[in-house]
Amino acid sequence: MTAPASTTEPRARPAYDAVYERLIREQFKKSSLDAAFLQTVARRFRKAPLALCSKSIGRWLNRKLREAGWTQQDLAERLGVDRSAAAYWIRGGNMTLDNLAQVLIEFRCQWSELPIPARQELATAAYLAALACIQERLHPGTGRHDLDRERFWCLFHLFSEPYWEQAIRRQDPELLHKEAARVLAAVRAALGQEPRGVVNVESLRQLVREWGLAWLVCIAQAPTRWAVQ
């Protein structure tokens, strides 16, 4: 297991404060999260950004076909592939680098014109996929396996510093409300809009009950250089 994130590092990636390390180790013992499962999590983490790229390129490709007045069959014939391949790419299926280069040549486009999502979007997609995989293992059959970006950012700001945990331990209502205000302000800045689902102390408590363990396990295993800010 990787070492806990230092609170002195820039908060550029998801993290957990050192006070949570014992909880993570206990959860590993209870949940039988073996090496094979952790490899599955790593695969989910790697595939999510690729899928996001493919979906963006598929939408771009469909738009370029409309602009050119071509059908999928027209593109397939120009590239020397089956029409089903062109349809697969448009639906967001993975393309080889060779096929992608051929597409750019046919449309007389540059690599810089491809709609590759920003690195932070790719990183966020990777964490969301890994978190869903872990949550499914920790809480099978509960239907709580999807995490939206609002709750992702709430967890990000809850766990990267010790303040929420300190407020819970002290059972200090004033401190909890102050901490909730800090978290929600940070989420607002990350999203560019007001949070809609998580809006107060109780909704933050519920989020931690549902996703806290999955978050801690995920961040303990995820690559350390995938920045989301």
Foldseek 3Di string as FASTA:
>chain_A
DADFDDLVDPLQAFGFYPVCPVVLVVVCVVQVCDPVLLVVLVVLLVVQLQLVLLQQQLCVLVVLCVVVVHDLCVLCVQQVHDSVVSVCSNNRHGDDPVSVVSSCVVSVHDPVPRCRDDLLVSNVRSLQRSLLSLLCSVPPPPPPRGDDPLLVQLSRLPGSDCQCVVCVVVVPVVSLQVSLVVSQVSSCVLVVHGDDQQDGSVSSVVSCVRRVNSSNNSNRSDDDPRGND
